[in-house]
Amino acid sequence: MKQMIKKILSREMINALQVKRQNVDLKVTAIARRSRWLASLYYFFFSAQFRREMHAVLNGRFRYHEAQRVLKPSSFMLRRNTHRLEKGLCMQPKRDIFAQGYIYDTVFSFDTCVSANILTSEEYAWSHDVLAEYFSVVTNTEVVNRAKDLFDKVLERATYATATGMKKPFRQKELEPTKISFNALKSLCENRHSVRWFKPIPVPRSLIDEAINVASTAPSACNRQPFEFFVFDTPEKAQKIGSIPMGTAGFSQNFQCVIVVVGDLSAYPYEKDRHIIYIDSALATMQMLLAFETRGLGSCVINWPDIERHEIQMADELQLQSYQRPMMLISIGYPDEDGMIPFSAKKGASDIARRL
C-alpha cells in the first residue's frame, strides 16, 4: 500500500499528509494521556506499537507455565527458586524455617529438569548443592520432609557428573581481593568507544567465547539470565544481519562479526517482569564490551528499533519464538586505526547524580 501511494502522490503531497496525520495524532494523544483507560483505547484504535510486545509477553507467560510440564521443561523456574533459597540461606539471622511456600515446587522443577536432561553441569551442581544445604540447616516440617523425600529420589537416578567445589552461599572473606585499580578500570571504560570501522580480519571464536563467559558473570534478577547471544562471525552473515536495523547504512558493509542479544520472556510468569530482559541483557552486554576491549577488539552497540518489518525479518533470520525479543546488536572487530570515532561528550556526576 505504501509503495502504491508513493507512486501516485508527489513527495510534497505525501509530506503534507504526514504533517496532518501528526497533528491529528497529537490532538488525540492530548486527550488519551489523561487516564489509563483512555490510553488503552488510544493504543487499541490508533496505534499498534505495543501489540508485538503484548503478544510476546502473553506467549512468554504461557511458555513459562508450560515449561513446568515434563514434555517441555526449561530451567528458568529452577534458577529463580534456587536463588531464592540462596538468599534465605544468607539471611542474618538465618531463620529456622523458610521457603515453605515454594520448596516442594523447587524440588519438583529440579526433578523435571533432571529427568529431561536439560541442565548444564553447572546448573545441576548449583541447584544440587543449594538444595542439599537447605535441607541440612532447615527445621524439619511436613512440607520439608515431603520435598526432601523427592530430592533423595531424584539423586538416586541422576546421571550428572559430580562437580568440583561447592556451589552454594559462601562468606565475603572467601573472595580474593581484586587486583584491578580504580584508575585502571576508569581508563578501560574511557578508552572504550563505539567503533564503526574494522579491519578485514576474522574475530577468533575463542575471544568471542571468552567475552561471553565474562558477560555471564553479570548480575541477573533471581539469576535467571533470560538472554542469549546469537553470534555471526563470518563477514557475509555479519554484514547481512548488521544491515537489518536502522542506523547502520554506510558502514555495515565492513562488519566482521555481529552478535544479536535476544531476551526470553518465557523466563517470567507475570507482566510486571517484562522489562527485566532489557535490564539483565544490558548489564551482561556492558561487561562483554569491556572484555572485548581488553583483547584489542573494538565494538559498537547498534540500537534495535521496534519496527514490525524489521522484527519479522530478524525473527526469520534467527528462527525466534514469539516470546523472544531482539534487544540490540553488537558489531565486533579489530579497529581500523584510520577509522574515525565520534567524540560523544558524556555527562558527569554533577549532571546526573541527585542527592535528596
Protein backbone atom coordinates (compact mmCIF):
# COMPACT_ATOMS: atom_id res chain seq x y z
CA MET A 1 0.00 0.00 0.00
CA LYS A 2 2.74 2.45 0.92
CA GLN A 3 4.57 1.75 -2.34
CA MET A 4 1.40 2.43 -4.34
CA ILE A 5 0.84 5.74 -2.53
CA LYS A 6 4.42 6.79 -3.26
CA LYS A 7 3.89 6.12 -6.97
CA ILE A 8 0.58 8.03 -7.14
CA LEU A 9 1.31 11.05 -4.94
CA SER A 10 4.11 13.57 -5.16
CA ARG A 11 6.69 13.94 -2.38
CA GLU A 12 5.12 17.29 -1.39
CA MET A 13 1.66 15.75 -1.08
CA ILE A 14 2.97 12.87 0.99
CA ASN A 15 4.78 15.28 3.33
CA ALA A 16 1.62 17.36 3.71
CA LEU A 17 -0.45 14.27 4.57
CA GLN A 18 2.16 13.18 7.12
CA VAL A 19 2.04 16.58 8.81
CA LYS A 20 -1.77 16.45 9.00
CA ARG A 21 -1.66 12.93 10.40
CA GLN A 22 0.85 14.01 13.05
CA ASN A 23 -1.31 16.97 14.03
CA VAL A 24 -4.39 14.77 14.42
CA ASP A 25 -2.38 12.23 16.40
CA LEU A 26 -1.11 14.94 18.77
CA LYS A 27 -4.66 16.14 19.40
CA VAL A 28 -5.85 12.60 20.13
CA THR A 29 -2.79 12.00 22.32
CA ALA A 30 -3.55 15.12 24.35
CA ILE A 31 -6.92 13.59 25.24
CA ALA A 32 -5.83 9.96 25.62
CA ARG A 33 -3.00 10.79 28.04
CA ARG A 34 -5.47 11.95 30.70
CA SER A 35 -6.24 8.46 32.01
CA ARG A 36 -5.05 4.88 31.71
CA TRP A 37 -8.43 3.85 30.30
CA LEU A 38 -8.23 6.45 27.52
CA ALA A 39 -4.60 5.47 26.88
CA SER A 40 -5.72 1.85 26.41
CA LEU A 41 -8.34 2.98 23.91
CA TYR A 42 -5.73 5.02 22.06
CA TYR A 43 -3.42 2.05 21.64
CA PHE A 44 -6.33 -0.19 20.70
CA PHE A 45 -7.75 2.06 17.98
CA PHE A 46 -4.97 4.43 16.88
CA SER A 47 -1.62 2.72 17.38
CA ALA A 48 -0.31 -0.83 17.08
CA GLN A 49 3.12 -0.03 18.53
CA PHE A 50 2.74 -2.24 21.61
CA ARG A 51 0.90 -5.17 20.05
CA ARG A 52 4.00 -7.24 19.32
CA GLU A 53 5.23 -6.75 22.89
CA MET A 54 1.84 -7.70 24.35
CA HIS A 55 1.73 -10.81 22.17
CA ALA A 56 5.29 -11.72 23.20
CA VAL A 57 4.54 -11.23 26.91
CA LEU A 58 1.46 -13.45 26.76
CA ASN A 59 3.33 -16.15 24.87
CA GLY A 60 6.17 -15.88 27.36
CA ARG A 61 3.78 -16.35 30.29
CA PHE A 62 2.19 -19.36 28.58
CA ARG A 63 5.59 -20.90 27.82
CA TYR A 64 6.74 -20.37 31.43
CA HIS A 65 3.83 -22.36 32.81
CA GLU A 66 4.04 -24.92 30.02
CA ALA A 67 7.69 -25.46 30.98
CA GLN A 68 6.63 -26.95 34.30
CA ARG A 69 5.43 -30.00 32.38
CA VAL A 70 7.85 -32.82 31.70
CA LEU A 71 7.29 -32.60 27.94
CA LYS A 72 8.55 -29.02 27.52
CA PRO A 73 10.68 -28.11 30.54
CA SER A 74 13.02 -25.16 30.99
CA SER A 75 15.30 -24.24 33.88
CA PHE A 76 14.02 -20.70 34.48
CA MET A 77 11.80 -21.58 37.46
CA LEU A 78 14.51 -23.76 38.99
CA ARG A 79 17.11 -21.00 38.64
CA ARG A 80 14.77 -18.45 40.19
CA ASN A 81 13.84 -20.61 43.17
CA THR A 82 17.40 -21.82 43.75
CA HIS A 83 18.43 -18.19 44.01
CA ARG A 84 15.57 -17.52 46.42
CA LEU A 85 16.83 -20.37 48.60
CA GLU A 86 20.32 -18.88 48.50
CA LYS A 87 19.01 -15.54 49.74
CA GLY A 88 17.26 -17.35 52.60
CA LEU A 89 20.49 -19.16 53.47
CA CYS A 90 22.32 -15.81 53.52
CA MET A 91 19.87 -14.04 55.86
CA GLN A 92 21.18 -12.61 59.12
CA PRO A 93 19.98 -14.08 61.37
CA LYS A 94 19.08 -17.20 59.41
CA ARG A 95 15.54 -18.40 60.06
CA ASP A 96 14.97 -21.98 61.16
CA ILE A 97 12.01 -22.35 58.81
CA PHE A 98 11.73 -20.65 55.41
CA ALA A 99 10.73 -21.36 51.81
CA GLN A 100 7.75 -23.43 52.90
CA GLY A 101 5.65 -21.97 50.12
CA TYR A 102 7.93 -22.97 47.27
CA ILE A 103 10.40 -25.64 48.37
CA TYR A 104 8.39 -28.56 47.01
CA ASP A 105 7.84 -26.76 43.69
CA THR A 106 11.59 -26.16 43.53
CA VAL A 107 12.45 -29.82 44.03
CA PHE A 108 9.72 -30.82 41.57
CA SER A 109 11.24 -28.47 38.99
CA PHE A 110 14.67 -29.96 39.77
CA ASP A 111 13.20 -33.42 39.19
CA THR A 112 11.60 -32.33 35.90
CA CYS A 113 14.81 -30.76 34.58
CA VAL A 114 16.98 -33.69 35.63
CA SER A 115 14.57 -36.20 34.07
CA ALA A 116 14.61 -34.24 30.81
CA ASN A 117 18.41 -33.87 31.00
CA ILE A 118 18.26 -30.16 30.13
CA LEU A 119 20.51 -28.79 32.87
CA THR A 120 24.09 -27.82 32.28
CA SER A 121 26.59 -29.42 34.66
CA GLU A 122 26.94 -26.04 36.36
CA GLU A 123 23.18 -25.64 36.81
CA TYR A 124 22.86 -29.15 38.21
CA ALA A 125 25.72 -28.69 40.68
CA TRP A 126 24.42 -25.30 41.83
CA SER A 127 20.83 -26.50 42.36
CA HIS A 128 22.01 -29.72 43.97
CA ASP A 129 24.39 -28.02 46.41
CA VAL A 130 21.94 -25.28 47.41
CA LEU A 131 19.11 -27.77 47.96
CA ALA A 132 21.39 -30.06 49.95
CA GLU A 133 22.50 -27.12 52.12
CA TYR A 134 18.89 -26.05 52.63
CA PHE A 135 17.80 -29.49 53.82
CA SER A 136 20.81 -29.69 56.15
CA VAL A 137 20.01 -26.48 58.04
CA VAL A 138 16.23 -26.02 57.91
CA THR A 139 13.95 -27.35 60.66
CA ASN A 140 12.03 -30.41 59.54
CA THR A 141 8.35 -29.90 58.84
CA GLU A 142 5.82 -31.95 56.92
CA VAL A 143 6.43 -29.78 53.83
CA VAL A 144 10.22 -30.00 54.16
CA ASN A 145 10.18 -33.77 54.66
CA ARG A 146 7.99 -34.26 51.60
CA ALA A 147 10.36 -32.17 49.49
CA LYS A 148 13.41 -33.93 50.96
CA ASP A 149 11.99 -37.35 50.08
CA LEU A 150 11.54 -36.27 46.45
CA PHE A 151 15.04 -34.74 46.41
CA ASP A 152 16.59 -38.03 47.58
CA LYS A 153 14.72 -39.94 44.88
CA VAL A 154 15.98 -37.57 42.21
CA LEU A 155 19.57 -38.07 43.35
CA GLU A 156 19.20 -41.85 43.16
CA ARG A 157 18.61 -41.70 39.40
CA ALA A 158 20.53 -38.56 38.45
CA THR A 159 23.28 -39.20 35.90
CA TYR A 160 25.06 -35.84 36.06
CA ALA A 161 28.78 -35.90 36.84
CA THR A 162 29.81 -34.67 40.27
CA ALA A 163 31.21 -31.14 40.09
CA THR A 164 34.36 -29.99 41.85
CA GLY A 165 33.94 -27.41 44.62
CA MET A 166 30.77 -26.46 46.44
CA LYS A 167 28.39 -24.16 44.61
CA LYS A 168 26.43 -22.69 47.49
CA PRO A 169 26.49 -19.45 49.52
CA PHE A 170 29.91 -18.51 50.93
CA ARG A 171 31.36 -15.79 53.12
CA GLN A 172 32.59 -12.48 51.76
CA LYS A 173 36.05 -13.06 53.20
CA GLU A 174 36.48 -16.11 50.94
CA LEU A 175 36.67 -13.87 47.87
CA GLU A 176 40.11 -12.85 46.68
CA PRO A 177 40.55 -9.05 46.58
CA THR A 178 40.56 -7.70 43.04
CA LYS A 179 43.89 -6.59 41.66
CA ILE A 180 42.32 -4.04 39.32
CA SER A 181 42.77 -0.45 40.50
CA PHE A 182 40.11 2.22 40.13
CA ASN A 183 42.31 4.14 37.70
CA ALA A 184 42.80 1.02 35.55
CA LEU A 185 39.05 0.44 35.39
CA LYS A 186 38.43 4.13 34.65
CA SER A 187 41.00 4.02 31.85
CA LEU A 188 39.40 0.90 30.35
CA CYS A 189 35.92 2.45 30.37
CA GLU A 190 37.13 5.77 28.97
CA ASN A 191 39.14 4.07 26.24
CA ARG A 192 36.16 2.06 25.00
CA HIS A 193 34.35 3.90 22.22
CA SER A 194 31.83 2.90 19.59
CA VAL A 195 33.96 1.64 16.70
CA ARG A 196 32.32 1.50 13.28
CA TRP A 197 35.31 0.78 11.02
CA PHE A 198 37.08 -2.57 11.18
CA LYS A 199 39.97 -4.32 9.51
CA PRO A 200 39.06 -7.26 7.26
CA ILE A 201 40.37 -9.72 9.86
CA PRO A 202 38.27 -12.55 11.35
CA VAL A 203 37.44 -12.33 15.05
CA PRO A 204 38.71 -15.51 16.76
CA ARG A 205 35.88 -17.57 18.21
CA SER A 206 37.94 -18.20 21.33
CA LEU A 207 37.93 -14.46 22.10
CA ILE A 208 34.19 -14.25 21.50
CA ASP A 209 33.58 -17.13 23.91
CA GLU A 210 35.89 -15.54 26.48
CA ALA A 211 33.91 -12.31 26.36
CA ILE A 212 30.57 -14.13 26.59
CA ASN A 213 31.84 -16.02 29.64
CA VAL A 214 32.69 -12.67 31.24
CA ALA A 215 29.25 -11.36 30.29
CA SER A 216 27.57 -14.29 32.01
CA THR A 217 29.00 -13.20 35.38
CA ALA A 218 26.88 -10.01 35.35
CA PRO A 219 24.06 -9.54 37.87
CA SER A 220 20.71 -11.01 36.83
CA ALA A 221 17.36 -10.80 38.62
CA CYS A 222 16.98 -14.10 40.54
CA ASN A 223 19.88 -15.34 38.38
CA ARG A 224 17.52 -16.24 35.54
CA GLN A 225 19.87 -14.88 32.83
CA PRO A 226 16.99 -14.52 30.33
CA PHE A 227 19.10 -13.82 27.26
CA GLU A 228 21.10 -15.47 24.51
CA PHE A 229 23.86 -14.21 22.24
CA PHE A 230 23.38 -15.12 18.57
CA VAL A 231 26.87 -14.95 17.05
CA PHE A 232 27.54 -14.32 13.35
CA ASP A 233 31.30 -14.44 12.89
CA THR A 234 31.65 -14.58 9.12
CA PRO A 235 31.72 -11.25 7.23
CA GLU A 236 28.96 -12.28 4.81
CA LYS A 237 26.50 -13.22 7.56
CA ALA A 238 27.58 -10.42 9.89
CA GLN A 239 27.01 -7.82 7.19
CA LYS A 240 23.61 -9.27 6.27
CA ILE A 241 22.38 -9.32 9.87
CA GLY A 242 24.02 -5.97 10.61
CA SER A 243 22.13 -4.29 7.78
CA ILE A 244 18.68 -5.19 9.18
CA PRO A 245 18.36 -2.48 11.86
CA MET A 246 18.13 1.17 11.00
CA GLY A 247 21.23 3.26 11.56
CA THR A 248 23.91 1.02 10.03
CA ALA A 249 23.64 2.24 6.46
CA GLY A 250 27.05 3.23 5.12
CA PHE A 251 29.21 1.14 7.45
CA SER A 252 27.59 -2.29 7.91
CA GLN A 253 29.45 -3.46 4.79
CA ASN A 254 32.70 -3.68 6.81
CA PHE A 255 31.34 -5.75 9.72
CA GLN A 256 33.42 -8.82 10.56
CA CYS A 257 31.33 -10.15 13.43
CA VAL A 258 27.88 -9.30 14.78
CA ILE A 259 26.17 -10.51 17.93
CA VAL A 260 22.41 -10.21 18.35
CA VAL A 261 21.36 -10.07 22.01
CA VAL A 262 17.97 -11.77 22.40
CA GLY A 263 15.77 -11.67 25.51
CA ASP A 264 13.49 -14.53 26.52
CA LEU A 265 10.14 -13.55 28.06
CA SER A 266 9.34 -17.17 28.90
CA ALA A 267 11.51 -16.67 31.99
CA TYR A 268 8.63 -14.86 33.71
CA PRO A 269 5.08 -15.75 34.74
CA TYR A 270 3.91 -12.14 35.20
CA GLU A 271 3.69 -8.98 33.10
CA LYS A 272 5.41 -6.94 35.83
CA ASP A 273 8.71 -8.61 34.95
CA ARG A 274 8.61 -7.91 31.22
CA HIS A 275 11.36 -5.25 31.36
CA ILE A 276 13.91 -7.42 33.14
CA ILE A 277 15.11 -8.88 29.83
CA TYR A 278 16.33 -5.41 28.87
CA ILE A 279 18.00 -4.72 32.22
CA ASP A 280 19.75 -8.09 32.52
CA SER A 281 20.90 -8.17 28.91
CA ALA A 282 22.29 -4.62 29.18
CA LEU A 283 24.27 -5.49 32.31
CA ALA A 284 25.75 -8.56 30.62
CA THR A 285 26.45 -6.73 27.36
CA MET A 286 28.44 -3.97 29.02
CA GLN A 287 30.75 -6.50 30.65
CA MET A 288 31.17 -8.20 27.30
CA LEU A 289 32.15 -4.92 25.61
CA LEU A 290 34.81 -4.26 28.22
CA ALA A 291 36.11 -7.80 27.82
CA PHE A 292 36.45 -7.27 24.07
CA GLU A 293 38.33 -4.03 24.73
CA THR A 294 40.97 -5.83 26.81
CA ARG A 295 41.61 -8.13 23.83
CA GLY A 296 42.17 -5.28 21.40
CA LEU A 297 38.73 -5.63 19.81
CA GLY A 298 36.51 -2.67 19.04
CA SER A 299 32.75 -2.80 19.36
CA CYS A 300 29.63 -0.80 18.61
CA VAL A 301 26.22 -1.25 20.19
CA ILE A 302 23.56 -0.93 17.49
CA ASN A 303 20.13 0.26 18.55
CA TRP A 304 17.26 -2.09 17.75
CA PRO A 305 14.06 -0.18 16.87
CA ASP A 306 10.75 -1.92 17.47
CA ILE A 307 9.54 -1.74 13.85
CA GLU A 308 7.34 -4.54 12.59
CA ARG A 309 9.07 -5.29 9.29
CA HIS A 310 12.48 -5.37 10.98
CA GLU A 311 11.16 -7.58 13.78
CA ILE A 312 9.77 -10.05 11.24
CA GLN A 313 12.99 -10.12 9.24
CA MET A 314 15.16 -10.67 12.33
CA ALA A 315 12.81 -13.34 13.70
CA ASP A 316 13.04 -15.18 10.37
CA GLU A 317 16.83 -14.96 10.23
CA LEU A 318 17.31 -16.14 13.83
CA GLN A 319 14.32 -18.54 13.90
CA LEU A 320 13.00 -16.85 17.04
CA GLN A 321 9.95 -17.90 19.01
CA SER A 322 7.18 -15.35 19.61
CA TYR A 323 8.37 -14.76 23.19
CA GLN A 324 11.96 -14.00 22.16
CA ARG A 325 12.77 -10.33 21.59
CA PRO A 326 15.87 -8.83 19.94
CA MET A 327 17.44 -6.39 22.43
CA MET A 328 20.33 -4.92 20.48
CA LEU A 329 23.11 -5.79 18.04
CA ILE A 330 26.82 -5.51 18.65
CA SER A 331 29.43 -5.29 15.90
CA ILE A 332 32.91 -6.51 16.86
CA GLY A 333 36.24 -6.44 15.09
CA TYR A 334 39.81 -5.22 15.04
CA PRO A 335 39.61 -1.43 14.70
CA ASP A 336 40.87 0.33 11.60
CA GLU A 337 43.47 2.75 13.01
CA ASP A 338 42.49 5.40 10.46
CA GLY A 339 38.76 5.00 11.13
CA MET A 340 37.02 7.99 12.68
CA ILE A 341 35.31 7.75 16.08
CA PRO A 342 32.65 10.19 17.37
CA PHE A 343 33.81 12.14 20.45
CA SER A 344 30.44 11.78 22.24
CA ALA A 345 30.74 14.05 25.27
CA LYS A 346 29.46 12.34 28.42
CA LYS A 347 27.66 13.78 31.42
CA GLY A 348 29.40 13.83 34.79
CA ALA A 349 28.29 13.15 38.36
CA SER A 350 27.33 16.81 38.82
CA ASP A 351 24.90 16.45 35.89
CA ILE A 352 23.24 13.09 36.58
CA ALA A 353 23.60 12.43 40.33
CA ARG A 354 20.74 13.62 42.53
CA ARG A 355 21.27 13.66 46.27
CA LEU A 356 17.95 14.09 48.06
